[in-house]
């Protein structure tokens, strides 16, 4: 078996309008057409990957389980989140480790942003 990489991440959310406000309006992801499943939700582009949202009002969210996104500049990321009024935690810088920001969506799902410098 050859794994090519990540295709998408799926998270349960309590409210689709709140989740879309966070992910689309706040983080800048873009929505695209989704098949007519029985469970409500949305599909979003986040860079070259997809985020699938499933509406589960009764979902118990593990606030430590998370997915991580690569960003080129953690300071730009922080400025963007500030401009959108989103609360986050900038992790203390540890020598030799990626700089990180942690944020939770309105349902409590944790997202990590990692600063990744391009390699030449």
N, C-alpha and C. Protein backbone atom coordinates (compact mmCIF):
# COMPACT_ATOMS: atom_id res chain seq x y z
N UNK A 1 0.84 -1.18 0.00
CA UNK A 1 0.00 0.00 0.00
C UNK A 1 0.88 1.25 0.00
N UNK A 2 0.54 2.20 -0.83
CA UNK A 2 1.27 3.47 -0.88
C UNK A 2 0.33 4.58 -0.41
N UNK A 3 0.66 5.21 0.69
CA UNK A 3 -0.11 6.34 1.19
C UNK A 3 0.45 7.60 0.56
N UNK A 4 -0.41 8.37 -0.08
CA UNK A 4 0.03 9.59 -0.76
C UNK A 4 0.02 10.80 0.15
N UNK A 5 -0.72 10.74 1.24
CA UNK A 5 -0.79 11.86 2.16
C UNK A 5 -2.20 12.09 2.63
N UNK A 6 -2.41 13.21 3.25
CA UNK A 6 -3.70 13.57 3.83
C UNK A 6 -4.67 14.00 2.73
N UNK A 7 -5.89 13.50 2.79
CA UNK A 7 -6.94 13.94 1.87
C UNK A 7 -7.87 14.93 2.57
N UNK A 8 -8.42 14.53 3.72
CA UNK A 8 -9.29 15.44 4.46
C UNK A 8 -9.32 15.08 5.94
N UNK A 9 -9.81 16.03 6.71
CA UNK A 9 -10.05 15.84 8.14
C UNK A 9 -11.54 16.05 8.34
N UNK A 10 -12.17 15.24 9.18
CA UNK A 10 -13.58 15.41 9.49
C UNK A 10 -13.71 15.72 10.97
N UNK A 11 -14.50 16.73 11.31
CA UNK A 11 -14.77 17.04 12.70
C UNK A 11 -16.28 17.19 12.90
N UNK A 12 -16.72 16.81 14.07
CA UNK A 12 -18.11 17.01 14.45
C UNK A 12 -18.26 18.41 15.02
N UNK A 13 -19.35 19.07 14.66
CA UNK A 13 -19.64 20.40 15.18
C UNK A 13 -21.06 20.42 15.72
N UNK A 14 -21.30 21.29 16.70
CA UNK A 14 -22.62 21.39 17.30
C UNK A 14 -23.57 22.23 16.46
N UNK A 15 -23.07 23.26 15.79
CA UNK A 15 -23.89 24.19 15.03
C UNK A 15 -23.18 24.53 13.72
N UNK A 16 -23.85 24.29 12.59
CA UNK A 16 -23.22 24.59 11.31
C UNK A 16 -23.03 26.10 11.10
N UNK A 17 -24.01 26.95 11.42
CA UNK A 17 -23.76 28.39 11.24
C UNK A 17 -22.57 28.90 12.06
N UNK A 18 -22.44 28.46 13.30
CA UNK A 18 -21.29 28.88 14.12
C UNK A 18 -19.99 28.35 13.54
N UNK A 19 -19.99 27.11 13.10
CA UNK A 19 -18.77 26.50 12.53
C UNK A 19 -18.37 27.22 11.24
N UNK A 20 -19.33 27.53 10.38
CA UNK A 20 -19.00 28.21 9.14
C UNK A 20 -18.50 29.63 9.40
N UNK A 21 -19.09 30.30 10.37
CA UNK A 21 -18.60 31.64 10.73
C UNK A 21 -17.14 31.56 11.17
N UNK A 22 -16.80 30.54 11.95
CA UNK A 22 -15.43 30.37 12.43
C UNK A 22 -14.48 30.00 11.29
N UNK A 23 -14.80 28.92 10.56
CA UNK A 23 -13.87 28.39 9.57
C UNK A 23 -13.80 29.21 8.29
N UNK A 24 -14.94 29.72 7.82
CA UNK A 24 -14.96 30.49 6.56
C UNK A 24 -14.67 31.96 6.83
N UNK A 25 -15.49 32.59 7.68
CA UNK A 25 -15.30 34.02 7.95
C UNK A 25 -14.04 34.27 8.78
N UNK A 26 -13.77 33.41 9.75
CA UNK A 26 -12.63 33.62 10.64
C UNK A 26 -11.31 33.15 10.07
N UNK A 27 -11.25 31.89 9.65
CA UNK A 27 -9.98 31.33 9.19
C UNK A 27 -9.76 31.48 7.69
N UNK A 28 -10.81 31.80 6.94
CA UNK A 28 -10.65 32.03 5.51
C UNK A 28 -10.74 30.79 4.64
N UNK A 29 -11.25 29.66 5.18
CA UNK A 29 -11.44 28.48 4.37
C UNK A 29 -12.59 28.75 3.40
N UNK A 30 -12.65 27.99 2.30
CA UNK A 30 -13.72 28.18 1.32
C UNK A 30 -14.57 26.92 1.23
N UNK A 31 -15.86 27.12 1.12
CA UNK A 31 -16.77 25.98 1.04
C UNK A 31 -16.94 25.55 -0.41
N UNK A 32 -17.26 24.29 -0.60
CA UNK A 32 -17.57 23.77 -1.93
C UNK A 32 -18.68 22.75 -1.81
N UNK A 33 -19.26 22.41 -2.96
CA UNK A 33 -20.45 21.55 -2.96
C UNK A 33 -20.18 20.20 -2.33
N UNK A 34 -21.16 19.76 -1.58
CA UNK A 34 -21.10 18.50 -0.85
C UNK A 34 -22.31 17.66 -1.26
N UNK A 35 -22.14 16.34 -1.38
CA UNK A 35 -23.29 15.48 -1.71
C UNK A 35 -24.40 15.63 -0.66
N UNK A 36 -25.60 15.29 -1.02
CA UNK A 36 -26.74 15.42 -0.11
C UNK A 36 -26.84 14.28 0.88
N UNK A 37 -25.92 14.26 1.84
CA UNK A 37 -25.95 13.23 2.89
C UNK A 37 -27.15 13.45 3.81
N UNK A 38 -27.52 12.42 4.56
CA UNK A 38 -28.62 12.55 5.52
C UNK A 38 -28.24 13.43 6.70
N UNK A 39 -26.95 13.45 7.04
CA UNK A 39 -26.50 14.28 8.17
C UNK A 39 -26.05 15.63 7.61
N UNK A 40 -26.44 16.70 8.27
CA UNK A 40 -26.10 18.05 7.84
C UNK A 40 -24.60 18.29 8.01
N UNK A 41 -24.05 19.14 7.17
CA UNK A 41 -22.63 19.45 7.28
C UNK A 41 -22.16 20.32 6.14
N UNK A 42 -20.85 20.41 5.98
CA UNK A 42 -20.24 21.21 4.93
C UNK A 42 -18.87 20.65 4.62
N UNK A 43 -18.41 20.92 3.40
CA UNK A 43 -17.05 20.59 3.00
C UNK A 43 -16.34 21.89 2.70
N UNK A 44 -15.11 22.01 3.20
CA UNK A 44 -14.33 23.24 3.06
C UNK A 44 -12.94 22.92 2.53
N UNK A 45 -12.40 23.84 1.75
CA UNK A 45 -11.00 23.77 1.34
C UNK A 45 -10.16 24.53 2.36
N UNK A 46 -9.08 23.92 2.79
CA UNK A 46 -8.11 24.57 3.68
C UNK A 46 -6.75 24.33 3.05
N UNK A 47 -6.33 25.29 2.24
CA UNK A 47 -5.10 25.07 1.48
C UNK A 47 -5.34 23.98 0.47
N UNK A 48 -4.45 23.01 0.39
CA UNK A 48 -4.59 21.92 -0.57
C UNK A 48 -5.33 20.71 0.01
N UNK A 49 -5.90 20.88 1.19
CA UNK A 49 -6.62 19.78 1.84
C UNK A 49 -8.06 20.19 2.12
N UNK A 50 -8.84 19.23 2.56
CA UNK A 50 -10.25 19.48 2.84
C UNK A 50 -10.56 19.29 4.32
N UNK A 51 -11.53 20.05 4.78
CA UNK A 51 -12.10 19.87 6.11
C UNK A 51 -13.57 19.56 5.92
N UNK A 52 -14.02 18.45 6.48
CA UNK A 52 -15.42 18.07 6.41
C UNK A 52 -16.04 18.31 7.79
N UNK A 53 -17.16 18.99 7.81
CA UNK A 53 -17.88 19.26 9.05
C UNK A 53 -19.16 18.42 9.07
N UNK A 54 -19.38 17.70 10.15
CA UNK A 54 -20.62 16.96 10.36
C UNK A 54 -21.32 17.57 11.56
N UNK A 55 -22.59 17.90 11.39
CA UNK A 55 -23.36 18.49 12.49
C UNK A 55 -23.86 17.37 13.39
N UNK A 56 -23.38 17.41 14.63
CA UNK A 56 -23.77 16.46 15.67
C UNK A 56 -23.98 17.26 16.96
N UNK A 57 -25.18 17.81 17.17
CA UNK A 57 -25.42 18.66 18.35
C UNK A 57 -25.08 17.98 19.67
N UNK A 58 -25.14 16.63 19.70
CA UNK A 58 -24.87 15.89 20.93
C UNK A 58 -23.42 15.39 21.02
N UNK A 59 -22.58 15.76 20.07
CA UNK A 59 -21.20 15.25 20.05
C UNK A 59 -20.43 15.70 21.29
N UNK A 60 -19.69 14.77 21.84
CA UNK A 60 -18.77 15.08 22.94
C UNK A 60 -17.42 15.33 22.30
N UNK A 61 -16.91 16.54 22.44
CA UNK A 61 -15.68 16.95 21.78
C UNK A 61 -14.50 16.79 22.73
N UNK A 62 -13.47 16.08 22.29
CA UNK A 62 -12.22 15.95 23.05
C UNK A 62 -11.38 17.18 22.73
N UNK A 63 -11.24 18.09 23.68
CA UNK A 63 -10.57 19.37 23.44
C UNK A 63 -9.06 19.24 23.25
N UNK A 64 -8.49 18.05 23.45
CA UNK A 64 -7.06 17.85 23.23
C UNK A 64 -6.77 17.22 21.88
N UNK A 65 -7.71 16.42 21.36
CA UNK A 65 -7.52 15.85 20.03
C UNK A 65 -7.54 17.01 19.05
N UNK A 66 -6.70 16.97 18.02
CA UNK A 66 -6.61 18.13 17.14
C UNK A 66 -6.04 17.75 15.78
N UNK A 67 -6.14 18.70 14.87
CA UNK A 67 -5.40 18.62 13.62
C UNK A 67 -4.53 19.86 13.54
N UNK A 68 -3.43 19.76 12.79
CA UNK A 68 -2.46 20.85 12.72
C UNK A 68 -2.33 21.34 11.29
N UNK A 69 -2.24 22.65 11.15
CA UNK A 69 -2.08 23.29 9.85
C UNK A 69 -0.73 23.97 9.79
N UNK A 70 -0.08 23.89 8.64
CA UNK A 70 1.21 24.54 8.43
C UNK A 70 0.97 25.96 7.93
N UNK A 71 1.66 26.92 8.55
CA UNK A 71 1.64 28.32 8.10
C UNK A 71 3.07 28.77 7.92
N UNK A 72 3.28 29.76 7.04
CA UNK A 72 4.64 30.21 6.78
C UNK A 72 5.14 31.19 7.82
N UNK A 73 4.23 31.90 8.49
CA UNK A 73 4.65 32.92 9.46
C UNK A 73 3.65 32.96 10.61
N UNK A 74 4.08 32.55 11.78
CA UNK A 74 3.19 32.48 12.94
C UNK A 74 2.72 33.87 13.36
N UNK A 75 3.57 34.89 13.14
CA UNK A 75 3.16 36.25 13.48
C UNK A 75 2.04 36.74 12.57
N UNK A 76 2.12 36.41 11.27
CA UNK A 76 1.03 36.74 10.35
C UNK A 76 -0.25 36.01 10.76
N UNK A 77 -0.11 34.77 11.16
CA UNK A 77 -1.25 33.99 11.63
C UNK A 77 -1.89 34.67 12.83
N UNK A 78 -1.09 35.07 13.79
CA UNK A 78 -1.60 35.73 14.99
C UNK A 78 -2.30 37.04 14.63
N UNK A 79 -1.71 37.81 13.72
CA UNK A 79 -2.33 39.07 13.29
C UNK A 79 -3.68 38.83 12.63
N UNK A 80 -3.75 37.78 11.82
CA UNK A 80 -5.02 37.44 11.17
C UNK A 80 -6.07 37.07 12.21
N UNK A 81 -5.70 36.21 13.14
CA UNK A 81 -6.66 35.80 14.18
C UNK A 81 -7.10 37.00 15.01
N UNK A 82 -6.15 37.88 15.34
CA UNK A 82 -6.49 39.10 16.08
C UNK A 82 -7.48 39.95 15.29
N UNK A 83 -7.26 40.09 13.99
CA UNK A 83 -8.12 40.94 13.16
C UNK A 83 -9.54 40.39 13.08
N UNK A 84 -9.69 39.09 13.29
CA UNK A 84 -11.00 38.45 13.27
C UNK A 84 -11.61 38.33 14.66
N UNK A 85 -10.86 38.80 15.68
CA UNK A 85 -11.36 38.73 17.05
C UNK A 85 -11.40 37.33 17.62
N UNK A 86 -10.55 36.44 17.12
CA UNK A 86 -10.53 35.05 17.58
C UNK A 86 -9.49 34.89 18.69
N UNK A 87 -9.89 34.23 19.75
CA UNK A 87 -8.98 33.99 20.88
C UNK A 87 -8.16 32.74 20.61
N UNK A 88 -6.88 32.81 20.94
CA UNK A 88 -5.95 31.72 20.71
C UNK A 88 -4.86 31.76 21.77
N UNK A 89 -4.03 30.71 21.76
CA UNK A 89 -2.88 30.67 22.66
C UNK A 89 -1.63 30.49 21.83
N UNK A 90 -0.70 31.45 21.95
CA UNK A 90 0.61 31.34 21.31
C UNK A 90 1.51 30.58 22.27
N UNK A 91 1.96 29.41 21.83
CA UNK A 91 2.82 28.59 22.70
C UNK A 91 4.18 29.26 22.84
N UNK A 92 4.79 29.15 24.02
CA UNK A 92 6.14 29.69 24.19
C UNK A 92 7.09 29.01 23.19
N UNK A 93 7.97 29.82 22.63
CA UNK A 93 8.91 29.28 21.65
C UNK A 93 9.91 28.37 22.33
N UNK A 94 10.10 27.19 21.75
CA UNK A 94 11.08 26.23 22.23
C UNK A 94 12.12 26.07 21.13
N UNK A 95 13.37 26.30 21.45
CA UNK A 95 14.46 26.22 20.47
C UNK A 95 14.42 24.89 19.73
N UNK A 96 14.41 24.95 18.41
CA UNK A 96 14.43 23.74 17.58
C UNK A 96 13.07 23.13 17.32
N UNK A 97 12.01 23.75 17.87
CA UNK A 97 10.65 23.24 17.68
C UNK A 97 9.86 24.30 16.92
N UNK A 98 8.93 23.87 16.10
CA UNK A 98 8.08 24.82 15.39
C UNK A 98 7.36 25.75 16.36
N UNK A 99 7.19 27.00 15.95
CA UNK A 99 6.37 27.93 16.72
C UNK A 99 4.92 27.54 16.48
N UNK A 100 4.09 27.62 17.53
CA UNK A 100 2.74 27.09 17.44
C UNK A 100 1.71 28.04 18.03
N UNK A 101 0.51 28.00 17.44
CA UNK A 101 -0.68 28.65 17.99
C UNK A 101 -1.74 27.58 18.13
N UNK A 102 -2.49 27.64 19.23
CA UNK A 102 -3.60 26.72 19.46
C UNK A 102 -4.89 27.53 19.57
N UNK A 103 -5.95 27.02 18.95
CA UNK A 103 -7.24 27.68 18.97
C UNK A 103 -8.32 26.60 19.00
N UNK A 104 -9.48 26.94 19.52
CA UNK A 104 -10.63 26.02 19.51
C UNK A 104 -11.76 26.63 18.70
N UNK A 105 -12.45 25.79 17.94
CA UNK A 105 -13.62 26.27 17.21
C UNK A 105 -14.78 26.39 18.20
N UNK A 106 -15.94 26.92 17.77
CA UNK A 106 -17.05 27.11 18.70
C UNK A 106 -17.56 25.83 19.36
N UNK A 107 -17.32 24.67 18.75
CA UNK A 107 -17.73 23.39 19.35
C UNK A 107 -16.69 22.83 20.29
N UNK A 108 -15.48 23.40 20.27
CA UNK A 108 -14.40 22.92 21.14
C UNK A 108 -13.33 22.13 20.43
N UNK A 109 -13.45 21.93 19.11
CA UNK A 109 -12.40 21.23 18.36
C UNK A 109 -11.13 22.08 18.36
N UNK A 110 -10.01 21.43 18.62
CA UNK A 110 -8.73 22.13 18.72
C UNK A 110 -8.02 22.12 17.37
N UNK A 111 -7.49 23.28 16.99
CA UNK A 111 -6.69 23.40 15.77
C UNK A 111 -5.34 23.98 16.18
N UNK A 112 -4.29 23.41 15.63
CA UNK A 112 -2.93 23.86 15.90
C UNK A 112 -2.37 24.45 14.61
N UNK A 113 -1.72 25.59 14.71
CA UNK A 113 -1.01 26.18 13.59
C UNK A 113 0.48 26.05 13.88
N UNK A 114 1.23 25.51 12.92
CA UNK A 114 2.68 25.33 13.05
C UNK A 114 3.37 26.17 12.00
N UNK A 115 4.36 26.94 12.45
CA UNK A 115 5.17 27.72 11.51
C UNK A 115 6.16 26.78 10.84
N UNK A 116 6.11 26.75 9.53
CA UNK A 116 6.99 25.88 8.74
C UNK A 116 7.73 26.77 7.75
N UNK A 117 9.02 26.78 7.86
CA UNK A 117 9.84 27.57 6.95
C UNK A 117 10.08 26.77 5.68
N UNK A 118 9.93 27.42 4.51
CA UNK A 118 10.17 26.71 3.25
C UNK A 118 11.62 26.22 3.18
N UNK A 119 11.79 25.04 2.60
CA UNK A 119 13.13 24.50 2.40
C UNK A 119 13.56 24.78 0.97
N UNK A 120 14.82 25.04 0.80
CA UNK A 120 15.33 25.36 -0.55
C UNK A 120 16.06 24.17 -1.10
